[in-house]
Amino acid sequence: MRITSLGLCLAVMLAGAAQAAPGDCSRTPLRAKPADLARILKEHGRWLATWDKPNPKGRQADLSHLDLSGEKFVEVDLRRAKFAGSRLQGATFDKARLDESDFTCVEAEGASFASADLFLATLTNASLVGADIAGGKLGGAKLSGVDLTNANFTDADLRRADLQRTLLRNTHLEKAAFADVNVAEAVW
């Protein structure tokens, strides 16, 4: 009986860990914030204006695997930018345009995305614990496997978002638009 109880305890623990564990976010060592961040953002603006042309100007912003904690990106147009694996703790993206950007596996605890456009953005397996995304527009965004514990999504637009296997403990969802959202295996 003792082995059965132990086996049951282990099975329950493993099942809980499987639900809460992030996806494959093997940590690449973070690089320091580039000294020429302003230039990178300017080049991204040029790229956005011509990305669909045969010879685009500028360069798409790749800010992956950087420590950008506390940085301010307020009202900046960073559509299609790459932030995968970056540390964004306490960063501010309020009213930024982040449509189709890649935030896979970011550490963005306490970050602010208030009223930001994140339409079709990828935030898979990110940590957004305590993040402020009030009024954010996340239609069609991929948030599977994200830890949204204590995050604020008040008045956010989450229509058609993918929240599979997402941790939603103490997440504030008051007045959020929640139509056609996939919440399979989400933990509330």
N, C-alpha and C. Protein backbone atom coordinates (compact mmCIF):
# COMPACT_ATOMS: atom_id res chain seq x y z
N MET A 1 0.82 -1.20 0.00
CA MET A 1 0.00 0.00 0.00
C MET A 1 0.86 1.26 0.00
N ARG A 2 1.96 1.20 0.71
CA ARG A 2 2.84 2.36 0.77
C ARG A 2 3.43 2.69 -0.60
N ILE A 3 3.85 1.69 -1.36
CA ILE A 3 4.39 1.91 -2.70
C ILE A 3 3.32 2.51 -3.60
N THR A 4 2.10 2.01 -3.50
CA THR A 4 1.01 2.55 -4.30
C THR A 4 0.77 4.02 -3.97
N SER A 5 0.77 4.37 -2.69
CA SER A 5 0.57 5.76 -2.28
C SER A 5 1.71 6.63 -2.78
N LEU A 6 2.93 6.14 -2.65
CA LEU A 6 4.08 6.88 -3.14
C LEU A 6 3.99 7.05 -4.64
N GLY A 7 3.62 5.97 -5.33
CA GLY A 7 3.47 6.04 -6.79
C GLY A 7 2.40 7.04 -7.19
N LEU A 8 1.29 7.06 -6.46
CA LEU A 8 0.21 8.00 -6.73
C LEU A 8 0.69 9.43 -6.49
N CYS A 9 1.41 9.65 -5.39
CA CYS A 9 1.94 10.98 -5.10
C CYS A 9 2.87 11.45 -6.21
N LEU A 10 3.76 10.58 -6.64
CA LEU A 10 4.68 10.94 -7.73
C LEU A 10 3.93 11.24 -9.01
N ALA A 11 2.93 10.44 -9.32
CA ALA A 11 2.14 10.67 -10.53
C ALA A 11 1.44 12.02 -10.49
N VAL A 12 0.87 12.37 -9.33
CA VAL A 12 0.20 13.66 -9.19
C VAL A 12 1.20 14.80 -9.32
N MET A 13 2.36 14.66 -8.68
CA MET A 13 3.39 15.70 -8.77
C MET A 13 3.87 15.86 -10.20
N LEU A 14 4.13 14.77 -10.89
CA LEU A 14 4.60 14.85 -12.27
C LEU A 14 3.53 15.43 -13.18
N ALA A 15 2.29 15.09 -12.97
CA ALA A 15 1.21 15.64 -13.79
C ALA A 15 1.12 17.15 -13.60
N GLY A 16 1.24 17.62 -12.36
CA GLY A 16 1.21 19.05 -12.09
C GLY A 16 2.41 19.75 -12.70
N ALA A 17 3.58 19.12 -12.61
CA ALA A 17 4.78 19.71 -13.19
C ALA A 17 4.67 19.77 -14.70
N ALA A 18 4.09 18.74 -15.29
CA ALA A 18 3.94 18.73 -16.75
C ALA A 18 3.04 19.85 -17.21
N GLN A 19 2.00 20.18 -16.44
CA GLN A 19 1.11 21.26 -16.82
C GLN A 19 1.81 22.61 -16.67
N ALA A 20 2.59 22.78 -15.64
CA ALA A 20 3.14 24.08 -15.34
C ALA A 20 4.51 24.33 -15.95
N ALA A 21 5.16 23.29 -16.41
CA ALA A 21 6.52 23.46 -16.91
C ALA A 21 6.54 24.22 -18.22
N PRO A 22 7.47 25.14 -18.39
CA PRO A 22 7.58 25.84 -19.66
C PRO A 22 8.09 24.90 -20.74
N GLY A 23 7.93 25.31 -21.97
CA GLY A 23 8.40 24.50 -23.09
C GLY A 23 9.90 24.54 -23.19
N ASP A 24 10.41 24.16 -24.31
CA ASP A 24 11.86 24.11 -24.49
C ASP A 24 12.42 25.52 -24.65
N CYS A 25 12.87 26.06 -23.56
CA CYS A 25 13.46 27.40 -23.56
C CYS A 25 14.87 27.31 -23.02
N SER A 26 15.64 26.40 -23.58
CA SER A 26 17.02 26.27 -23.11
C SER A 26 17.68 27.63 -23.19
N ARG A 27 18.31 28.00 -22.13
CA ARG A 27 18.86 29.34 -21.99
C ARG A 27 20.17 29.52 -22.74
N THR A 28 20.13 30.43 -23.70
CA THR A 28 21.34 30.89 -24.36
C THR A 28 21.87 32.02 -23.50
N PRO A 29 23.17 32.11 -23.29
CA PRO A 29 23.69 33.21 -22.47
C PRO A 29 23.23 34.56 -23.04
N LEU A 30 22.80 35.44 -22.14
CA LEU A 30 22.32 36.74 -22.58
C LEU A 30 23.48 37.65 -22.92
N ARG A 31 23.25 38.45 -23.95
CA ARG A 31 24.23 39.46 -24.34
C ARG A 31 23.82 40.78 -23.69
N ALA A 32 24.77 41.64 -23.48
CA ALA A 32 24.48 42.95 -22.91
C ALA A 32 23.70 43.79 -23.92
N LYS A 33 22.98 44.77 -23.41
CA LYS A 33 22.24 45.67 -24.29
C LYS A 33 23.22 46.33 -25.26
N PRO A 34 22.88 46.32 -26.56
CA PRO A 34 23.80 46.94 -27.52
C PRO A 34 23.89 48.45 -27.31
N ALA A 35 25.10 48.99 -27.44
CA ALA A 35 25.31 50.42 -27.27
C ALA A 35 24.57 51.21 -28.34
N ASP A 36 24.33 50.58 -29.48
CA ASP A 36 23.69 51.27 -30.60
C ASP A 36 22.21 50.90 -30.73
N LEU A 37 21.52 50.72 -29.60
CA LEU A 37 20.11 50.34 -29.62
C LEU A 37 19.27 51.34 -30.41
N ALA A 38 19.54 52.62 -30.26
CA ALA A 38 18.78 53.64 -31.00
C ALA A 38 18.95 53.45 -32.51
N ARG A 39 20.16 53.11 -32.95
CA ARG A 39 20.39 52.88 -34.37
C ARG A 39 19.64 51.64 -34.85
N ILE A 40 19.63 50.59 -34.03
CA ILE A 40 18.91 49.36 -34.39
C ILE A 40 17.42 49.67 -34.57
N LEU A 41 16.86 50.47 -33.67
CA LEU A 41 15.44 50.83 -33.78
C LEU A 41 15.18 51.68 -35.02
N LYS A 42 16.09 52.58 -35.34
CA LYS A 42 15.94 53.40 -36.55
C LYS A 42 16.01 52.54 -37.81
N GLU A 43 16.96 51.61 -37.85
CA GLU A 43 17.08 50.70 -39.00
C GLU A 43 15.83 49.82 -39.13
N HIS A 44 15.25 49.44 -38.00
CA HIS A 44 14.02 48.65 -38.04
C HIS A 44 12.89 49.47 -38.65
N GLY A 45 12.82 50.73 -38.32
CA GLY A 45 11.81 51.62 -38.91
C GLY A 45 11.96 51.70 -40.42
N ARG A 46 13.18 51.81 -40.89
CA ARG A 46 13.44 51.83 -42.34
C ARG A 46 13.03 50.51 -42.97
N TRP A 47 13.35 49.39 -42.29
CA TRP A 47 13.00 48.07 -42.79
C TRP A 47 11.48 47.91 -42.87
N LEU A 48 10.77 48.37 -41.84
CA LEU A 48 9.31 48.25 -41.84
C LEU A 48 8.69 48.97 -43.02
N ALA A 49 9.26 50.10 -43.40
CA ALA A 49 8.72 50.87 -44.52
C ALA A 49 8.93 50.19 -45.86
N THR A 50 9.88 49.24 -45.93
CA THR A 50 10.22 48.64 -47.23
C THR A 50 10.30 47.12 -47.20
N TRP A 51 9.91 46.46 -46.09
CA TRP A 51 10.12 45.02 -45.94
C TRP A 51 9.47 44.20 -47.04
N ASP A 52 8.38 44.70 -47.61
CA ASP A 52 7.68 43.93 -48.63
C ASP A 52 8.13 44.28 -50.05
N LYS A 53 9.16 45.06 -50.18
CA LYS A 53 9.72 45.44 -51.48
C LYS A 53 10.83 44.47 -51.86
N PRO A 54 11.19 44.42 -53.16
CA PRO A 54 12.26 43.50 -53.59
C PRO A 54 13.60 43.73 -52.88
N ASN A 55 13.97 44.97 -52.64
CA ASN A 55 15.24 45.28 -51.97
C ASN A 55 14.97 46.17 -50.75
N PRO A 56 14.55 45.55 -49.64
CA PRO A 56 14.21 46.37 -48.48
C PRO A 56 15.41 47.13 -47.94
N LYS A 57 15.14 48.30 -47.43
CA LYS A 57 16.17 49.13 -46.81
C LYS A 57 16.17 48.84 -45.31
N GLY A 58 17.20 49.25 -44.64
CA GLY A 58 17.26 49.03 -43.20
C GLY A 58 17.42 47.56 -42.85
N ARG A 59 17.12 47.25 -41.60
CA ARG A 59 17.30 45.88 -41.12
C ARG A 59 16.27 45.57 -40.03
N GLN A 60 15.69 44.37 -40.11
CA GLN A 60 14.74 43.93 -39.10
C GLN A 60 15.45 43.84 -37.75
N ALA A 61 14.81 44.38 -36.71
CA ALA A 61 15.41 44.37 -35.37
C ALA A 61 15.43 42.96 -34.80
N ASP A 62 16.61 42.47 -34.49
CA ASP A 62 16.77 41.18 -33.81
C ASP A 62 17.37 41.47 -32.44
N LEU A 63 16.50 41.52 -31.45
CA LEU A 63 16.90 41.82 -30.08
C LEU A 63 16.81 40.56 -29.22
N SER A 64 17.02 39.42 -29.87
CA SER A 64 16.95 38.13 -29.18
C SER A 64 18.13 37.94 -28.24
N HIS A 65 17.86 37.27 -27.13
CA HIS A 65 18.88 36.87 -26.14
C HIS A 65 19.67 38.06 -25.61
N LEU A 66 18.96 39.17 -25.39
CA LEU A 66 19.57 40.36 -24.80
C LEU A 66 18.97 40.63 -23.43
N ASP A 67 19.72 41.28 -22.57
CA ASP A 67 19.17 41.74 -21.31
C ASP A 67 18.70 43.18 -21.53
N LEU A 68 17.39 43.33 -21.69
CA LEU A 68 16.78 44.64 -21.92
C LEU A 68 15.89 45.03 -20.73
N SER A 69 16.24 44.52 -19.57
CA SER A 69 15.46 44.81 -18.36
C SER A 69 15.39 46.31 -18.14
N GLY A 70 14.18 46.79 -17.85
CA GLY A 70 13.98 48.20 -17.53
C GLY A 70 13.99 49.15 -18.72
N GLU A 71 14.22 48.65 -19.92
CA GLU A 71 14.25 49.53 -21.10
C GLU A 71 12.87 50.10 -21.39
N LYS A 72 12.83 51.26 -22.02
CA LYS A 72 11.57 51.93 -22.37
C LYS A 72 11.40 51.90 -23.89
N PHE A 73 10.31 51.27 -24.32
CA PHE A 73 9.96 51.20 -25.74
C PHE A 73 8.54 51.77 -25.91
N VAL A 74 8.25 52.86 -25.26
CA VAL A 74 6.92 53.46 -25.26
C VAL A 74 6.61 54.05 -26.63
N GLU A 75 5.46 53.66 -27.19
CA GLU A 75 4.96 54.14 -28.48
C GLU A 75 5.94 53.90 -29.63
N VAL A 76 6.78 52.89 -29.53
CA VAL A 76 7.75 52.56 -30.58
C VAL A 76 7.13 51.52 -31.51
N ASP A 77 7.40 51.64 -32.81
CA ASP A 77 6.90 50.68 -33.79
C ASP A 77 7.93 49.57 -33.96
N LEU A 78 7.65 48.43 -33.34
CA LEU A 78 8.54 47.27 -33.40
C LEU A 78 7.81 46.06 -33.98
N ARG A 79 6.90 46.33 -34.92
CA ARG A 79 6.22 45.21 -35.58
C ARG A 79 7.26 44.28 -36.18
N ARG A 80 7.03 42.97 -36.02
CA ARG A 80 7.87 41.89 -36.56
C ARG A 80 9.28 41.86 -35.96
N ALA A 81 9.52 42.54 -34.86
CA ALA A 81 10.83 42.49 -34.20
C ALA A 81 11.00 41.15 -33.49
N LYS A 82 12.25 40.78 -33.26
CA LYS A 82 12.58 39.51 -32.60
C LYS A 82 13.16 39.78 -31.22
N PHE A 83 12.49 39.24 -30.20
CA PHE A 83 12.94 39.36 -28.81
C PHE A 83 13.15 38.00 -28.17
N ALA A 84 13.12 36.93 -28.93
CA ALA A 84 13.14 35.56 -28.39
C ALA A 84 14.27 35.37 -27.38
N GLY A 85 13.91 34.81 -26.22
CA GLY A 85 14.89 34.48 -25.20
C GLY A 85 15.46 35.65 -24.44
N SER A 86 14.93 36.86 -24.64
CA SER A 86 15.47 38.03 -23.96
C SER A 86 14.91 38.20 -22.56
N ARG A 87 15.63 38.93 -21.75
CA ARG A 87 15.17 39.29 -20.41
C ARG A 87 14.60 40.71 -20.52
N LEU A 88 13.30 40.83 -20.23
CA LEU A 88 12.60 42.10 -20.37
C LEU A 88 11.95 42.52 -19.05
N GLN A 89 12.51 42.08 -17.95
CA GLN A 89 11.91 42.35 -16.64
C GLN A 89 11.82 43.86 -16.41
N GLY A 90 10.60 44.31 -16.10
CA GLY A 90 10.39 45.73 -15.83
C GLY A 90 10.47 46.62 -17.06
N ALA A 91 10.58 46.06 -18.24
CA ALA A 91 10.63 46.88 -19.47
C ALA A 91 9.24 47.46 -19.74
N THR A 92 9.20 48.58 -20.46
CA THR A 92 7.94 49.25 -20.76
C THR A 92 7.73 49.31 -22.27
N PHE A 93 6.61 48.72 -22.70
CA PHE A 93 6.22 48.70 -24.11
C PHE A 93 4.85 49.36 -24.28
N ASP A 94 4.49 50.28 -23.40
CA ASP A 94 3.16 50.88 -23.44
C ASP A 94 2.90 51.55 -24.79
N LYS A 95 1.73 51.25 -25.36
CA LYS A 95 1.26 51.79 -26.63
C LYS A 95 2.21 51.49 -27.79
N ALA A 96 3.08 50.52 -27.64
CA ALA A 96 4.00 50.14 -28.72
C ALA A 96 3.27 49.28 -29.74
N ARG A 97 3.74 49.31 -30.97
CA ARG A 97 3.21 48.44 -32.03
C ARG A 97 4.13 47.23 -32.11
N LEU A 98 3.61 46.09 -31.69
CA LEU A 98 4.40 44.86 -31.59
C LEU A 98 3.75 43.72 -32.37
N ASP A 99 2.88 44.06 -33.33
CA ASP A 99 2.20 43.04 -34.12
C ASP A 99 3.21 42.10 -34.75
N GLU A 100 2.91 40.81 -34.68
CA GLU A 100 3.72 39.75 -35.30
C GLU A 100 5.15 39.67 -34.78
N SER A 101 5.42 40.27 -33.63
CA SER A 101 6.76 40.18 -33.04
C SER A 101 6.93 38.84 -32.34
N ASP A 102 8.18 38.45 -32.13
CA ASP A 102 8.50 37.16 -31.52
C ASP A 102 9.05 37.37 -30.11
N PHE A 103 8.25 36.99 -29.12
CA PHE A 103 8.63 37.07 -27.71
C PHE A 103 8.74 35.67 -27.11
N THR A 104 9.06 34.68 -27.91
CA THR A 104 9.17 33.30 -27.43
C THR A 104 10.19 33.21 -26.30
N CYS A 105 9.80 32.59 -25.22
CA CYS A 105 10.69 32.30 -24.09
C CYS A 105 11.29 33.54 -23.41
N VAL A 106 10.64 34.70 -23.52
CA VAL A 106 11.17 35.87 -22.83
C VAL A 106 10.87 35.80 -21.34
N GLU A 107 11.69 36.46 -20.56
CA GLU A 107 11.48 36.64 -19.12
C GLU A 107 11.04 38.09 -18.95
N ALA A 108 9.73 38.30 -18.84
CA ALA A 108 9.20 39.67 -18.81
C ALA A 108 8.37 39.91 -17.55
N GLU A 109 8.86 39.44 -16.43
CA GLU A 109 8.16 39.63 -15.16
C GLU A 109 8.07 41.13 -14.86
N GLY A 110 6.86 41.58 -14.54
CA GLY A 110 6.67 42.99 -14.19
C GLY A 110 6.78 43.95 -15.35
N ALA A 111 6.86 43.47 -16.56
CA ALA A 111 6.93 44.35 -17.73
C ALA A 111 5.56 44.98 -17.99
N SER A 112 5.55 46.09 -18.70
CA SER A 112 4.28 46.74 -19.03
C SER A 112 4.10 46.80 -20.54
N PHE A 113 2.96 46.26 -20.97
CA PHE A 113 2.55 46.29 -22.37
C PHE A 113 1.17 46.97 -22.45
N ALA A 114 0.91 47.93 -21.57
CA ALA A 114 -0.40 48.57 -21.50
C ALA A 114 -0.75 49.21 -22.84
N SER A 115 -1.94 48.87 -23.34
CA SER A 115 -2.47 49.39 -24.61
C SER A 115 -1.55 49.13 -25.80
N ALA A 116 -0.70 48.12 -25.72
CA ALA A 116 0.19 47.77 -26.83
C ALA A 116 -0.55 46.91 -27.86
N ASP A 117 -0.15 47.03 -29.11
CA ASP A 117 -0.68 46.19 -30.18
C ASP A 117 0.21 44.95 -30.30
N LEU A 118 -0.35 43.80 -29.99
CA LEU A 118 0.37 42.52 -30.05
C LEU A 118 -0.39 41.54 -30.94
N PHE A 119 -1.07 42.06 -31.95
CA PHE A 119 -1.86 41.23 -32.85
C PHE A 119 -0.96 40.20 -33.53
N LEU A 120 -1.32 38.94 -33.44
CA LEU A 120 -0.57 37.82 -34.03
C LEU A 120 0.86 37.68 -33.50
N ALA A 121 1.16 38.28 -32.36
CA ALA A 121 2.50 38.13 -31.77
C ALA A 121 2.66 36.73 -31.20
N THR A 122 3.91 36.29 -31.10
CA THR A 122 4.22 34.98 -30.52
C THR A 122 4.90 35.20 -29.17
N LEU A 123 4.24 34.73 -28.12
CA LEU A 123 4.77 34.84 -26.76
C LEU A 123 4.88 33.47 -26.12
N THR A 124 4.98 32.45 -26.92
CA THR A 124 4.98 31.07 -26.45
C THR A 124 6.05 30.83 -25.39
N ASN A 125 5.65 30.15 -24.31
CA ASN A 125 6.56 29.75 -23.22
C ASN A 125 7.26 30.92 -22.53
N ALA A 126 6.66 32.10 -22.58
CA ALA A 126 7.23 33.27 -21.92
C ALA A 126 6.81 33.31 -20.46
N SER A 127 7.51 34.10 -19.67
CA SER A 127 7.11 34.37 -18.29
C SER A 127 6.69 35.83 -18.22
N LEU A 128 5.39 36.04 -18.01
CA LEU A 128 4.83 37.39 -17.90
C LEU A 128 4.19 37.57 -16.52
N VAL A 129 4.82 37.00 -15.51
CA VAL A 129 4.30 37.08 -14.15
C VAL A 129 4.23 38.55 -13.73
N GLY A 130 3.03 38.97 -13.31
CA GLY A 130 2.86 40.34 -12.84
C GLY A 130 2.93 41.40 -13.93
N ALA A 131 2.89 41.00 -15.19
CA ALA A 131 2.97 41.97 -16.28
C ALA A 131 1.66 42.75 -16.40
N ASP A 132 1.75 43.99 -16.87
CA ASP A 132 0.56 44.82 -17.10
C ASP A 132 0.30 44.87 -18.60
N ILE A 133 -0.79 44.23 -19.02
CA ILE A 133 -1.15 44.19 -20.44
C ILE A 133 -2.57 44.76 -20.58
N ALA A 134 -2.96 45.61 -19.64
CA ALA A 134 -4.29 46.21 -19.66
C ALA A 134 -4.49 46.97 -20.96
N GLY A 135 -5.63 46.72 -21.60
CA GLY A 135 -5.94 47.40 -22.85
C GLY A 135 -5.14 46.91 -24.04
N GLY A 136 -4.34 45.87 -23.85
CA GLY A 136 -3.54 45.33 -24.95
C GLY A 136 -4.40 44.66 -26.01
N LYS A 137 -3.94 44.71 -27.23
CA LYS A 137 -4.65 44.09 -28.34
C LYS A 137 -3.86 42.85 -28.77
N LEU A 138 -4.37 41.67 -28.40
CA LEU A 138 -3.65 40.41 -28.61
C LEU A 138 -4.44 39.46 -29.51
N GLY A 139 -5.24 39.98 -30.41
CA GLY A 139 -6.03 39.13 -31.29
C GLY A 139 -5.14 38.16 -32.06
N GLY A 140 -5.46 36.88 -31.97
CA GLY A 140 -4.71 35.86 -32.69
C GLY A 140 -3.31 35.59 -32.15
N ALA A 141 -2.95 36.19 -31.02
CA ALA A 141 -1.61 35.99 -30.46
C ALA A 141 -1.44 34.57 -29.95
N LYS A 142 -0.19 34.10 -29.98
CA LYS A 142 0.15 32.76 -29.50
C LYS A 142 0.76 32.89 -28.11
N LEU A 143 -0.01 32.48 -27.10
CA LEU A 143 0.42 32.58 -25.71
C LEU A 143 0.46 31.22 -25.05
N SER A 144 0.63 30.16 -25.81
CA SER A 144 0.61 28.82 -25.21
C SER A 144 1.84 28.62 -24.32
N GLY A 145 1.58 28.01 -23.16
CA GLY A 145 2.66 27.72 -22.22
C GLY A 145 3.18 28.92 -21.47
N VAL A 146 2.48 30.05 -21.52
CA VAL A 146 2.94 31.28 -20.86
C VAL A 146 2.50 31.29 -19.40
N ASP A 147 3.36 31.81 -18.53
CA ASP A 147 3.00 32.00 -17.13
C ASP A 147 2.48 33.43 -16.98
N LEU A 148 1.15 33.55 -16.80
CA LEU A 148 0.49 34.85 -16.66
C LEU A 148 0.01 35.08 -15.23
N THR A 149 0.65 34.42 -14.28
CA THR A 149 0.27 34.57 -12.88
C THR A 149 0.33 36.05 -12.47
N ASN A 150 -0.76 36.53 -11.88
CA ASN A 150 -0.86 37.92 -11.40
C ASN A 150 -0.74 38.97 -12.50
N ALA A 151 -0.87 38.59 -13.75
CA ALA A 151 -0.82 39.57 -14.84
C ALA A 151 -2.15 40.31 -14.95
N ASN A 152 -2.10 41.52 -15.49
CA ASN A 152 -3.29 42.35 -15.64
C ASN A 152 -3.68 42.44 -17.11
N PHE A 153 -4.81 41.82 -17.46
CA PHE A 153 -5.35 41.86 -18.82
C PHE A 153 -6.68 42.60 -18.84
N THR A 154 -6.91 43.51 -17.91
CA THR A 154 -8.15 44.27 -17.87
C THR A 154 -8.34 45.01 -19.19
N ASP A 155 -9.54 44.87 -19.78
CA ASP A 155 -9.89 45.52 -21.05
C ASP A 155 -9.03 45.07 -22.23
N ALA A 156 -8.31 43.97 -22.11
CA ALA A 156 -7.48 43.48 -23.23
C ALA A 156 -8.35 42.75 -24.25
N ASP A 157 -7.91 42.78 -25.49
CA ASP A 157 -8.58 42.05 -26.58
C ASP A 157 -7.80 40.77 -26.83
N LEU A 158 -8.38 39.64 -26.41
CA LEU A 158 -7.74 38.33 -26.55
C LEU A 158 -8.47 37.45 -27.57
N ARG A 159 -9.30 38.05 -28.41
CA ARG A 159 -10.08 37.25 -29.35
C ARG A 159 -9.16 36.42 -30.26
N ARG A 160 -9.51 35.14 -30.38
CA ARG A 160 -8.80 34.17 -31.20
C ARG A 160 -7.36 33.92 -30.73
N ALA A 161 -7.04 34.27 -29.51
CA ALA A 161 -5.69 34.01 -28.98
C ALA A 161 -5.57 32.54 -28.56
N ASP A 162 -4.36 32.04 -28.58
CA ASP A 162 -4.07 30.66 -28.17
C ASP A 162 -3.47 30.69 -26.77
N LEU A 163 -4.25 30.23 -25.78
CA LEU A 163 -3.80 30.21 -24.39
C LEU A 163 -3.67 28.78 -23.87
N GLN A 164 -3.35 27.85 -24.75
CA GLN A 164 -3.20 26.46 -24.33
C GLN A 164 -2.07 26.34 -23.30
N ARG A 165 -2.31 25.51 -22.27
CA ARG A 165 -1.31 25.21 -21.24
C ARG A 165 -0.77 26.47 -20.56
N THR A 166 -1.56 27.53 -20.55
CA THR A 166 -1.14 28.78 -19.93
C THR A 166 -1.51 28.79 -18.45
N LEU A 167 -0.65 29.36 -17.62
CA LEU A 167 -0.94 29.54 -16.20
C LEU A 167 -1.66 30.88 -16.02
N LEU A 168 -2.89 30.82 -15.54
CA LEU A 168 -3.72 32.02 -15.40
C LEU A 168 -4.11 32.24 -13.94
N ARG A 169 -3.25 31.91 -13.02
CA ARG A 169 -3.56 32.05 -11.60
C ARG A 169 -3.54 33.53 -11.21
N ASN A 170 -4.65 33.97 -10.60
CA ASN A 170 -4.79 35.37 -10.16
C ASN A 170 -4.61 36.37 -11.30
N THR A 171 -4.86 35.95 -12.52
CA THR A 171 -4.76 36.85 -13.67
C THR A 171 -6.02 37.70 -13.73
N HIS A 172 -5.86 38.99 -13.91
CA HIS A 172 -6.99 39.92 -13.96
C HIS A 172 -7.49 40.01 -15.40
N LEU A 173 -8.71 39.52 -15.61
CA LEU A 173 -9.30 39.46 -16.96
C LEU A 173 -10.60 40.25 -17.04
N GLU A 174 -10.80 41.21 -16.13
CA GLU A 174 -12.02 41.99 -16.13
C GLU A 174 -12.17 42.74 -17.45
N LYS A 175 -13.36 42.64 -18.03
CA LYS A 175 -13.74 43.32 -19.27
C LYS A 175 -12.87 42.92 -20.46
N ALA A 176 -12.15 41.82 -20.39
CA ALA A 176 -11.33 41.36 -21.52
C ALA A 176 -12.23 40.71 -22.57
N ALA A 177 -11.94 40.95 -23.84
CA ALA A 177 -12.66 40.30 -24.94
C ALA A 177 -12.06 38.91 -25.10
N PHE A 178 -12.89 37.87 -24.94
CA PHE A 178 -12.40 36.51 -24.81
C PHE A 178 -13.05 35.57 -25.81
N ALA A 179 -13.49 36.03 -26.97
CA ALA A 179 -14.19 35.18 -27.93
C ALA A 179 -13.21 34.30 -28.71
N ASP A 180 -13.60 33.04 -28.90
CA ASP A 180 -12.82 32.08 -29.69
C ASP A 180 -11.40 31.90 -29.18
N VAL A 181 -11.21 31.95 -27.87
CA VAL A 181 -9.89 31.76 -27.26
C VAL A 181 -9.71 30.28 -26.94
N ASN A 182 -8.56 29.74 -27.26
CA ASN A 182 -8.25 28.34 -26.96
C ASN A 182 -7.59 28.30 -25.58
N VAL A 183 -8.31 27.74 -24.61
CA VAL A 183 -7.78 27.63 -23.25
C VAL A 183 -7.61 26.17 -22.82
N ALA A 184 -7.43 25.29 -23.79
CA ALA A 184 -7.25 23.87 -23.47
C ALA A 184 -6.05 23.69 -22.54
N GLU A 185 -6.24 22.94 -21.48
CA GLU A 185 -5.21 22.61 -20.50
C GLU A 185 -4.66 23.83 -19.75
N ALA A 186 -5.34 24.96 -19.83
CA ALA A 186 -4.91 26.13 -19.05
C ALA A 186 -5.15 25.85 -17.58
N VAL A 187 -4.32 26.42 -16.72
CA VAL A 187 -4.45 26.25 -15.27
C VAL A 187 -4.95 27.58 -14.71
N TRP A 188 -6.15 27.52 -14.10
CA TRP A 188 -6.78 28.73 -13.58
C TRP A 188 -6.53 28.89 -12.10
